[in-house]
Amino acid sequence: MSNLIVHGGTPLRGRIIPSANKNAVLPVLCATLLTGEPLRLHGVPDITDVRKILDIFRTLGSEVHMDHESGTLELHHRATTFDAALHRLPEEMRSSIMLVPPLLARFGVARLEDNVKGCTLGVREIDPHVEVFQRFGGQVERTEGSLLVYSPVRLTPTDHWLDYASVTTTENFVLCAAAADGTSTLTNAASEPHVQEFCRFMAMIGVRIEGMGTSRLMVHGGGALGGGEFRFDEDFHEITTFLALGAITGGDVVVRNSAPGNFPLIDRTFAKFGVQIEHADGWSRAIRSGPLKVQTPFTSNVLTKVEAAPWPYFPVDLLPIFIALGVRAQGNAMFWNKVYDGALGWTGELSKFGAHVFSSDPHRLITFGGHALTPAVVESPYIIRVAIALFMVAASIEGKSEIRNATPIRRAHPRFVENLRSLGVQVEWTSEE
């Protein structure tokens, strides 16, 4: 595991060009297996999950040319093969489940490790994915240590209504529908920006999709798919992260943002803590005129709340970032995670800094901000933006702190430390055996 050492108390200042969203890049990489035509992708981040998928592509015989410096990836799956007896999909990476539909479409079979997982956010079942595979005609069998998914015939179109608006299940439905002859309809589809970006890629290679950005998708599949070039947008999670880092340290960070249309609710959430966001000419800036302060609601006998749920709610992945702001802001605020039941267990680590946080239940907590904090050594769970939230608090406190087990950051944010150093932070990675 790797730890982050930070000497905090320095206001961050400078400009940042964010990387692409991991949650857009990974499903797009999986989708490339649907076509045997050449593809060129721009803005591919150098993160561990991308490297894992590219390694499996090489194992399967695909042509892979990755320029990590420019972020340009060239792929050609014309010679790709898959043998369920030999090949395994990457473990400990939830997105590997999205390799199943293209493998079914091309080879009629896929084998998935039984312990596929991502961040430790509580119970994350794969039943919705299994149901999607079965609705398209796939058959799923549990074998020792893995799941075997196969389809002796071509996938058949279907209509489906999800129990909840799951991002990866929506993407798996679209991948299956693209390979099925006919029209498939999904109701209660996820509509996050990265899902929309994934759908734009699918449209680029020749899949006709109606309803992008809405909760109902109609996918016309079965046609020949082509190649082409695709450029990823900046990650709205990373944009928000660096804006928040600027705000919590009292600095001035400007972040490249080509899609400010995704930010109205995020901007209003910043405003709840006394931070104004300005978007101009493709850049975004967090403006803080005084100390961080929780704004009193018009209904003054209730707490200011940040409620996180599937898009277009406030993004649940960003909740830890704003919990960090809440810890540092004067006043009290409630944070409500409406998705994951294990995502708030880390907040006891905040008390090591001297923060006052009360867990109401597995989904809600209250920050009592404005207290003097001191440097600390804290332990991060395996959750990307929790590690970042702990780092944010440390960066706002004068003195040396350590974020232990901060490795998850590498799964989503390439050059994270290098970017921080460019903003004036004294920070370094350390490793332990």
Protein backbone atom coordinates (compact mmCIF):
# COMPACT_ATOMS: atom_id res chain seq x y z
CA MET A 1 0.00 0.00 0.00
CA SER A 2 1.04 3.63 -0.53
CA ASN A 3 0.67 6.51 1.89
CA LEU A 4 0.50 10.26 1.34
CA ILE A 5 2.61 12.60 3.43
CA VAL A 6 1.43 16.21 3.34
CA HIS A 7 2.72 19.36 4.99
CA GLY A 8 -0.50 21.35 5.20
CA GLY A 9 -1.47 24.94 5.75
CA THR A 10 -0.42 26.25 2.32
CA PRO A 11 -3.13 27.87 0.14
CA LEU A 12 -3.25 26.09 -3.23
CA ARG A 13 -2.82 28.36 -6.25
CA GLY A 14 -2.58 27.65 -9.97
CA ARG A 15 -4.24 26.01 -12.96
CA ILE A 16 -5.12 22.36 -13.44
CA ILE A 17 -6.12 20.39 -16.54
CA PRO A 18 -8.05 17.38 -15.19
CA SER A 19 -7.94 13.88 -16.58
CA ALA A 20 -10.88 12.01 -18.08
CA ASN A 21 -13.47 10.30 -15.91
CA LYS A 22 -12.46 6.75 -15.03
CA ASN A 23 -16.15 5.80 -15.05
CA ALA A 24 -16.45 6.94 -18.66
CA VAL A 25 -13.13 5.53 -19.88
CA LEU A 26 -13.52 2.00 -18.50
CA PRO A 27 -16.93 1.19 -20.08
CA VAL A 28 -15.75 2.70 -23.36
CA LEU A 29 -12.68 0.45 -23.28
CA CYS A 30 -14.94 -2.55 -22.70
CA ALA A 31 -17.18 -1.43 -25.57
CA THR A 32 -14.27 -1.31 -28.02
CA LEU A 33 -14.31 -5.13 -28.04
CA LEU A 34 -17.61 -4.97 -29.95
CA THR A 35 -15.86 -3.87 -33.14
CA GLY A 36 -12.99 -5.25 -35.17
CA GLU A 37 -12.29 -1.85 -36.72
CA PRO A 38 -9.40 0.42 -35.60
CA LEU A 39 -10.08 3.00 -32.88
CA ARG A 40 -8.16 5.98 -31.56
CA LEU A 41 -9.08 7.37 -28.12
CA HIS A 42 -7.77 10.70 -26.81
CA GLY A 43 -7.44 11.70 -23.16
CA VAL A 44 -7.07 8.19 -21.74
CA PRO A 45 -5.69 8.53 -18.19
CA ASP A 46 -2.73 6.53 -16.95
CA ILE A 47 -4.49 4.82 -14.03
CA THR A 48 -4.30 1.30 -12.67
CA ASP A 49 -7.73 0.17 -13.89
CA VAL A 50 -6.94 1.25 -17.46
CA ARG A 51 -3.65 -0.65 -17.35
CA LYS A 52 -5.48 -3.79 -16.16
CA ILE A 53 -7.95 -3.71 -19.05
CA LEU A 54 -5.22 -3.03 -21.61
CA ASP A 55 -3.26 -5.98 -20.20
CA ILE A 56 -6.24 -8.29 -20.72
CA PHE A 57 -6.62 -6.96 -24.28
CA ARG A 58 -2.99 -7.85 -24.98
CA THR A 59 -3.53 -11.30 -23.47
CA LEU A 60 -6.46 -11.82 -25.85
CA GLY A 61 -4.37 -10.87 -28.89
CA SER A 62 -5.61 -7.33 -29.49
CA GLU A 63 -3.33 -4.64 -30.91
CA VAL A 64 -2.74 -2.05 -28.19
CA HIS A 65 -0.63 1.10 -28.58
CA MET A 66 -0.80 3.42 -25.58
CA ASP A 67 1.08 6.72 -25.39
CA HIS A 68 0.82 7.55 -21.70
CA GLU A 69 2.43 10.96 -22.18
CA SER A 70 -0.21 12.23 -24.63
CA GLY A 71 -3.05 10.03 -23.39
CA THR A 72 -3.62 8.63 -26.90
CA LEU A 73 -4.68 5.00 -27.20
CA GLU A 74 -4.91 3.05 -30.44
CA LEU A 75 -6.82 -0.24 -30.39
CA HIS A 76 -7.55 -2.88 -32.99
CA HIS A 77 -9.40 -6.03 -31.94
CA ARG A 78 -9.33 -7.76 -35.32
CA ALA A 79 -7.20 -10.70 -34.07
CA THR A 80 -8.75 -10.97 -30.60
CA THR A 81 -9.58 -14.45 -29.28
CA PHE A 82 -11.12 -15.68 -26.04
CA ASP A 83 -10.89 -19.12 -24.44
CA ALA A 84 -13.03 -19.49 -21.30
CA ALA A 85 -10.79 -22.33 -20.13
CA LEU A 86 -7.70 -20.12 -20.17
CA HIS A 87 -8.66 -16.46 -19.89
CA ARG A 88 -9.91 -14.62 -16.83
CA LEU A 89 -11.22 -11.09 -16.54
CA PRO A 90 -9.44 -8.73 -14.10
CA GLU A 91 -10.21 -9.18 -10.41
CA GLU A 92 -10.85 -6.39 -7.88
CA MET A 93 -12.20 -4.09 -10.61
CA ARG A 94 -15.95 -3.86 -10.85
CA SER A 95 -15.88 -2.52 -14.41
CA SER A 96 -14.57 -5.88 -15.67
CA ILE A 97 -18.17 -7.10 -15.62
CA MET A 98 -18.73 -4.86 -18.66
CA LEU A 99 -16.37 -7.04 -20.69
CA VAL A 100 -19.01 -9.78 -20.57
CA PRO A 101 -21.43 -8.44 -23.26
CA PRO A 102 -18.79 -7.87 -25.98
CA LEU A 103 -17.26 -11.28 -25.27
CA LEU A 104 -20.71 -12.85 -25.51
CA ALA A 105 -21.33 -11.00 -28.77
CA ARG A 106 -18.03 -12.08 -30.35
CA PHE A 107 -17.29 -15.47 -28.80
CA GLY A 108 -20.53 -16.59 -27.18
CA VAL A 109 -18.88 -17.02 -23.78
CA ALA A 110 -17.21 -15.10 -20.94
CA ARG A 111 -15.78 -16.09 -17.58
CA LEU A 112 -15.92 -13.65 -14.70
CA GLU A 113 -14.12 -13.95 -11.37
CA ASP A 114 -16.61 -14.52 -8.56
CA ASN A 115 -15.13 -11.80 -6.36
CA VAL A 116 -15.31 -8.88 -8.78
CA LYS A 117 -15.48 -5.73 -6.69
CA GLY A 118 -14.58 -2.08 -6.59
CA CYS A 119 -14.37 0.40 -3.73
CA THR A 120 -15.53 -0.82 -0.32
CA LEU A 121 -18.85 1.01 -0.37
CA GLY A 122 -20.96 -1.74 1.18
CA VAL A 123 -22.80 -4.60 -0.48
CA ARG A 124 -22.62 -4.26 -4.29
CA GLU A 125 -24.54 -7.13 -5.79
CA ILE A 126 -24.09 -8.42 -9.32
CA ASP A 127 -27.64 -9.77 -9.53
CA PRO A 128 -28.84 -6.84 -11.70
CA HIS A 129 -26.11 -7.66 -14.22
CA VAL A 130 -26.95 -11.35 -14.21
CA GLU A 131 -30.60 -10.45 -14.83
CA VAL A 132 -29.63 -8.27 -17.82
CA PHE A 133 -27.52 -11.07 -19.35
CA GLN A 134 -30.39 -13.50 -18.91
CA ARG A 135 -32.98 -11.15 -20.40
CA PHE A 136 -30.92 -10.95 -23.58
CA GLY A 137 -30.74 -14.76 -23.76
CA GLY A 138 -27.48 -15.36 -21.92
CA GLN A 139 -27.10 -18.24 -19.49
CA VAL A 140 -25.18 -17.86 -16.23
CA GLU A 141 -23.59 -20.70 -14.28
CA ARG A 142 -21.58 -20.51 -11.07
CA THR A 143 -18.42 -22.58 -11.24
CA GLU A 144 -15.62 -22.90 -8.70
CA GLY A 145 -14.27 -19.38 -8.16
CA SER A 146 -15.96 -17.83 -11.19
CA LEU A 147 -19.14 -17.19 -13.13
CA LEU A 148 -19.53 -18.63 -16.63
CA VAL A 149 -21.79 -16.63 -18.94
CA TYR A 150 -22.59 -18.05 -22.36
CA SER A 151 -25.03 -17.67 -25.20
CA PRO A 152 -25.20 -20.42 -27.83
CA VAL A 153 -27.07 -18.06 -30.19
CA ARG A 154 -27.02 -14.36 -30.94
CA LEU A 155 -28.39 -12.12 -28.18
CA THR A 156 -32.07 -11.21 -28.58
CA PRO A 157 -33.56 -7.74 -27.91
CA THR A 158 -35.59 -7.11 -24.77
CA ASP A 159 -37.35 -4.45 -22.68
CA HIS A 160 -36.29 -4.06 -19.07
CA TRP A 161 -37.08 -1.88 -16.03
CA LEU A 162 -34.24 -1.61 -13.52
CA ASP A 163 -34.85 -1.85 -9.78
CA TYR A 164 -32.64 1.21 -9.37
CA ALA A 165 -30.69 3.49 -11.68
CA SER A 166 -27.38 1.61 -11.66
CA VAL A 167 -24.61 3.07 -13.82
CA THR A 168 -22.80 -0.16 -14.72
CA THR A 169 -26.04 -2.10 -15.18
CA THR A 170 -27.28 0.59 -17.58
CA GLU A 171 -24.03 0.36 -19.53
CA ASN A 172 -24.19 -3.43 -19.61
CA PHE A 173 -27.74 -3.22 -20.96
CA VAL A 174 -26.60 -0.87 -23.74
CA LEU A 175 -23.67 -3.16 -24.59
CA CYS A 176 -25.95 -6.19 -24.82
CA ALA A 177 -28.56 -4.25 -26.79
CA ALA A 178 -25.93 -3.11 -29.30
CA ALA A 179 -25.18 -6.76 -30.08
CA ALA A 180 -28.83 -7.85 -30.29
CA ASP A 181 -30.78 -7.77 -33.57
CA GLY A 182 -33.57 -5.27 -33.00
CA THR A 183 -34.68 -2.59 -30.55
CA SER A 184 -34.29 -2.85 -26.77
CA THR A 185 -35.70 -0.42 -24.22
CA LEU A 186 -34.43 0.30 -20.71
CA THR A 187 -36.52 2.16 -18.13
CA ASN A 188 -35.00 3.68 -14.97
CA ALA A 189 -31.65 4.00 -16.73
CA ALA A 190 -28.80 5.87 -15.10
CA SER A 191 -28.09 9.26 -16.68
CA GLU A 192 -24.81 10.45 -15.11
CA PRO A 193 -22.45 12.51 -17.31
CA HIS A 194 -20.14 9.50 -17.71
CA VAL A 195 -23.09 7.35 -18.86
CA GLN A 196 -23.94 10.00 -21.45
CA GLU A 197 -20.30 10.08 -22.57
CA PHE A 198 -20.31 6.29 -22.92
CA CYS A 199 -23.51 6.50 -25.02
CA ARG A 200 -21.90 9.13 -27.27
CA PHE A 201 -19.04 6.71 -27.93
CA MET A 202 -21.51 3.94 -28.74
CA ALA A 203 -23.22 6.27 -31.19
CA MET A 204 -19.85 7.11 -32.75
CA ILE A 205 -19.16 3.44 -33.59
CA GLY A 206 -22.64 3.06 -35.10
CA VAL A 207 -25.18 2.22 -32.37
CA ARG A 208 -28.38 4.30 -32.57
CA ILE A 209 -29.52 5.32 -29.09
CA GLU A 210 -32.58 7.39 -28.28
CA GLY A 211 -33.04 9.14 -24.94
CA MET A 212 -29.41 9.85 -24.00
CA GLY A 213 -29.32 11.76 -20.73
CA THR A 214 -32.78 10.57 -19.69
CA SER A 215 -34.08 7.67 -17.59
CA ARG A 216 -35.41 5.81 -20.66
CA LEU A 217 -33.09 4.51 -23.35
CA MET A 218 -34.07 2.91 -26.63
CA VAL A 219 -31.18 1.08 -28.31
CA HIS A 220 -31.33 -0.09 -31.92
CA GLY A 221 -28.81 -2.91 -32.20
CA GLY A 222 -27.58 -5.53 -34.59
CA GLY A 223 -25.90 -3.30 -37.16
CA ALA A 224 -22.29 -3.42 -38.27
CA LEU A 225 -20.07 -1.39 -35.96
CA GLY A 226 -17.15 0.69 -37.12
CA GLY A 227 -14.11 2.49 -35.78
CA GLY A 228 -13.11 6.11 -35.45
CA GLU A 229 -11.69 8.69 -33.06
CA PHE A 230 -13.13 9.76 -29.71
CA ARG A 231 -12.01 12.37 -27.18
CA PHE A 232 -12.98 12.15 -23.52
CA ASP A 233 -14.24 15.12 -21.52
CA GLU A 234 -12.62 16.22 -18.27
CA ASP A 235 -13.80 14.33 -15.19
CA PHE A 236 -16.39 16.39 -13.29
CA HIS A 237 -15.29 14.56 -10.11
CA GLU A 238 -11.71 15.75 -10.53
CA ILE A 239 -12.82 19.26 -11.44
CA THR A 240 -14.85 19.41 -8.24
CA THR A 241 -12.00 17.93 -6.22
CA PHE A 242 -9.49 20.60 -7.20
CA LEU A 243 -12.04 23.40 -6.77
CA ALA A 244 -12.71 22.07 -3.26
CA LEU A 245 -8.98 21.83 -2.52
CA GLY A 246 -8.60 25.47 -3.47
CA ALA A 247 -11.56 26.43 -1.28
CA ILE A 248 -10.59 24.43 1.82
CA THR A 249 -7.03 25.81 1.83
CA GLY A 250 -8.10 29.40 1.14
CA GLY A 251 -6.28 29.42 -2.19
CA ASP A 252 -7.16 30.15 -5.81
CA VAL A 253 -7.34 27.12 -8.11
CA VAL A 254 -8.62 27.38 -11.68
CA VAL A 255 -9.65 24.13 -13.38
CA ARG A 256 -10.28 23.33 -17.03
CA ASN A 257 -13.98 22.51 -17.54
CA SER A 258 -15.46 22.05 -21.00
CA ALA A 259 -18.87 20.91 -19.67
CA PRO A 260 -20.09 23.48 -17.08
CA GLY A 261 -23.63 22.38 -17.88
CA ASN A 262 -23.08 19.48 -15.48
CA PHE A 263 -22.43 21.82 -12.54
CA PRO A 264 -25.53 23.80 -11.45
CA LEU A 265 -26.33 21.53 -8.49
CA ILE A 266 -22.65 21.09 -7.60
CA ASP A 267 -22.27 24.89 -7.66
CA ARG A 268 -25.27 25.33 -5.35
CA THR A 269 -23.81 22.75 -2.97
CA PHE A 270 -20.52 24.69 -2.81
CA ALA A 271 -22.59 27.79 -2.02
CA LYS A 272 -24.00 26.04 1.07
CA PHE A 273 -20.49 26.33 2.55
CA GLY A 274 -19.83 29.91 1.47
CA VAL A 275 -17.98 29.08 -1.76
CA GLN A 276 -19.02 30.60 -5.08
CA ILE A 277 -18.10 28.86 -8.36
CA GLU A 278 -17.41 30.90 -11.46
CA HIS A 279 -17.38 29.38 -14.97
CA ALA A 280 -15.85 31.36 -17.84
CA ASP A 281 -14.12 30.57 -21.13
CA GLY A 282 -13.79 26.86 -20.46
CA TRP A 283 -12.37 27.26 -16.94
CA SER A 284 -13.90 27.07 -13.45
CA ARG A 285 -12.80 28.80 -10.24
CA ALA A 286 -13.83 28.53 -6.58
CA ILE A 287 -14.17 31.95 -4.93
CA ARG A 288 -14.13 32.25 -1.16
CA SER A 289 -14.38 35.80 0.20
CA GLY A 290 -14.06 34.83 3.87
CA PRO A 291 -13.94 31.78 6.11
CA LEU A 292 -15.89 28.68 5.14
CA LYS A 293 -19.34 28.99 6.71
CA VAL A 294 -22.41 26.76 6.50
CA GLN A 295 -25.26 28.86 5.17
CA THR A 296 -28.45 28.91 7.26
CA PRO A 297 -31.49 27.57 5.37
CA PHE A 298 -34.56 29.76 4.94
CA THR A 299 -36.31 27.18 7.13
CA SER A 300 -34.01 28.05 10.00
CA ASN A 301 -34.97 25.20 12.34
CA VAL A 302 -33.54 22.51 10.03
CA LEU A 303 -29.94 21.62 9.21
CA THR A 304 -28.32 22.49 5.91
CA LYS A 305 -28.32 19.21 3.98
CA VAL A 306 -26.34 17.61 1.18
CA GLU A 307 -28.37 14.70 -0.19
CA ALA A 308 -26.54 12.37 -2.56
CA ALA A 309 -28.28 9.89 -4.86
CA PRO A 310 -28.21 8.84 -8.54
CA TRP A 311 -27.97 11.67 -11.08
CA PRO A 312 -29.50 14.23 -11.41
CA TYR A 313 -29.19 14.29 -7.60
CA PHE A 314 -25.92 15.48 -6.12
CA PRO A 315 -23.31 12.82 -7.07
CA VAL A 316 -22.73 10.31 -4.29
CA ASP A 317 -19.05 9.94 -5.18
CA LEU A 318 -18.50 13.61 -4.28
CA LEU A 319 -20.08 13.41 -0.83
CA PRO A 320 -16.75 12.81 1.01
CA ILE A 321 -15.30 15.94 -0.62
CA PHE A 322 -18.07 18.06 0.87
CA ILE A 323 -17.88 16.31 4.23
CA ALA A 324 -14.30 17.61 4.35
CA LEU A 325 -15.60 21.13 3.64
CA GLY A 326 -18.24 20.65 6.33
CA VAL A 327 -15.59 19.73 8.89
CA ARG A 328 -13.70 22.95 8.17
CA ALA A 329 -16.70 25.27 7.82
CA GLN A 330 -18.25 27.20 10.71
CA GLY A 331 -21.65 25.72 11.50
CA ASN A 332 -23.37 22.35 11.28
CA ALA A 333 -24.46 20.35 8.23
CA MET A 334 -26.06 16.99 7.50
CA PHE A 335 -24.78 14.63 4.79
CA TRP A 336 -27.04 11.91 3.45
CA ASN A 337 -25.78 9.02 1.33
CA LYS A 338 -28.90 7.49 -0.23
CA VAL A 339 -27.04 4.83 -2.23
CA TYR A 340 -24.39 2.88 -0.30
CA ASP A 341 -24.82 1.41 3.16
CA GLY A 342 -21.11 1.18 3.98
CA ALA A 343 -19.79 4.46 2.67
CA LEU A 344 -19.70 6.56 5.86
CA GLY A 345 -17.85 4.20 8.19
CA TRP A 346 -14.61 6.11 7.64
CA THR A 347 -15.67 9.34 9.34
CA GLY A 348 -14.23 8.24 12.69
CA GLU A 349 -10.84 8.97 11.13
CA LEU A 350 -11.81 12.65 11.04
CA SER A 351 -11.84 12.69 14.85
CA LYS A 352 -8.07 12.07 14.77
CA PHE A 353 -7.74 15.60 13.37
CA GLY A 354 -10.00 16.83 16.17
CA ALA A 355 -13.09 17.11 14.00
CA HIS A 356 -16.56 16.77 15.53
CA VAL A 357 -18.70 14.36 13.49
CA PHE A 358 -21.78 12.43 14.56
CA SER A 359 -23.04 9.37 12.64
CA SER A 360 -26.84 9.35 12.79
CA ASP A 361 -27.13 5.97 11.03
CA PRO A 362 -25.33 4.10 8.20
CA HIS A 363 -26.57 6.67 5.66
CA ARG A 364 -26.43 10.04 7.49
CA LEU A 365 -23.94 12.05 9.48
CA ILE A 366 -23.65 15.56 10.88
CA THR A 367 -20.52 17.70 10.90
CA PHE A 368 -20.05 20.25 13.68
CA GLY A 369 -17.51 22.49 12.00
CA GLY A 370 -15.35 25.40 12.96
CA HIS A 371 -13.25 23.59 15.59
CA ALA A 372 -9.47 23.92 15.72
CA LEU A 373 -7.84 20.91 14.06
CA THR A 374 -4.37 19.42 14.39
CA PRO A 375 -2.25 17.23 12.08
CA ALA A 376 -2.76 13.48 12.33
CA VAL A 377 -1.99 10.05 10.91
CA VAL A 378 -5.23 8.60 9.51
CA GLU A 379 -6.23 5.36 7.77
CA SER A 380 -8.22 5.48 4.52
CA PRO A 381 -10.59 2.70 3.50
CA TYR A 382 -10.47 1.46 -0.08
CA ILE A 383 -12.61 4.33 -1.39
CA ILE A 384 -11.11 6.78 -3.87
CA ARG A 385 -12.61 10.07 -2.76
CA VAL A 386 -12.49 9.22 0.94
CA ALA A 387 -8.70 9.12 0.64
CA ILE A 388 -8.92 12.50 -1.10
CA ALA A 389 -11.28 13.92 1.55
CA LEU A 390 -8.86 12.94 4.31
CA PHE A 391 -6.07 14.53 2.30
CA MET A 392 -8.14 17.72 1.92
CA VAL A 393 -8.54 18.07 5.66
CA ALA A 394 -4.83 17.42 6.19
CA ALA A 395 -3.88 19.97 3.52
CA SER A 396 -5.92 22.63 5.32
CA ILE A 397 -4.08 22.12 8.65
CA GLU A 398 -0.64 23.57 9.27
CA GLY A 399 1.83 20.78 9.96
CA LYS A 400 2.67 17.26 8.81
CA SER A 401 -0.09 14.66 8.35
CA GLU A 402 -0.13 11.19 6.81
CA ILE A 403 -2.94 9.50 4.87
CA ARG A 404 -2.25 5.79 5.12
CA ASN A 405 -3.51 3.37 2.45
CA ALA A 406 -4.17 6.19 -0.03
CA THR A 407 -3.57 3.87 -3.00
CA PRO A 408 -7.19 4.09 -4.29
CA ILE A 409 -6.44 7.62 -5.51
CA ARG A 410 -4.26 6.10 -8.23
CA ARG A 411 -7.34 4.28 -9.61
CA ALA A 412 -8.92 7.54 -10.73
CA HIS A 413 -6.44 10.42 -10.65
CA PRO A 414 -3.20 10.22 -12.63
CA ARG A 415 -0.50 12.70 -11.66
CA PHE A 416 -2.42 13.59 -8.50
CA VAL A 417 0.68 14.40 -6.47
CA GLU A 418 2.35 16.15 -9.41
CA ASN A 419 -0.71 18.36 -9.84
CA LEU A 420 -0.75 19.16 -6.13
CA ARG A 421 2.92 20.12 -6.19
CA SER A 422 2.26 22.45 -9.11
CA LEU A 423 -0.25 24.21 -6.84
CA GLY A 424 2.35 24.69 -4.10
CA VAL A 425 1.66 21.75 -1.79
CA GLN A 426 4.52 19.84 -0.17
CA VAL A 427 3.32 16.26 -0.64
CA GLU A 428 4.85 12.89 -1.45
CA TRP A 429 4.00 9.21 -1.81
CA THR A 430 5.62 6.70 0.51
CA SER A 431 5.36 2.93 0.18
CA GLU A 432 5.20 0.13 2.69
CA GLU A 433 5.57 -3.60 2.18
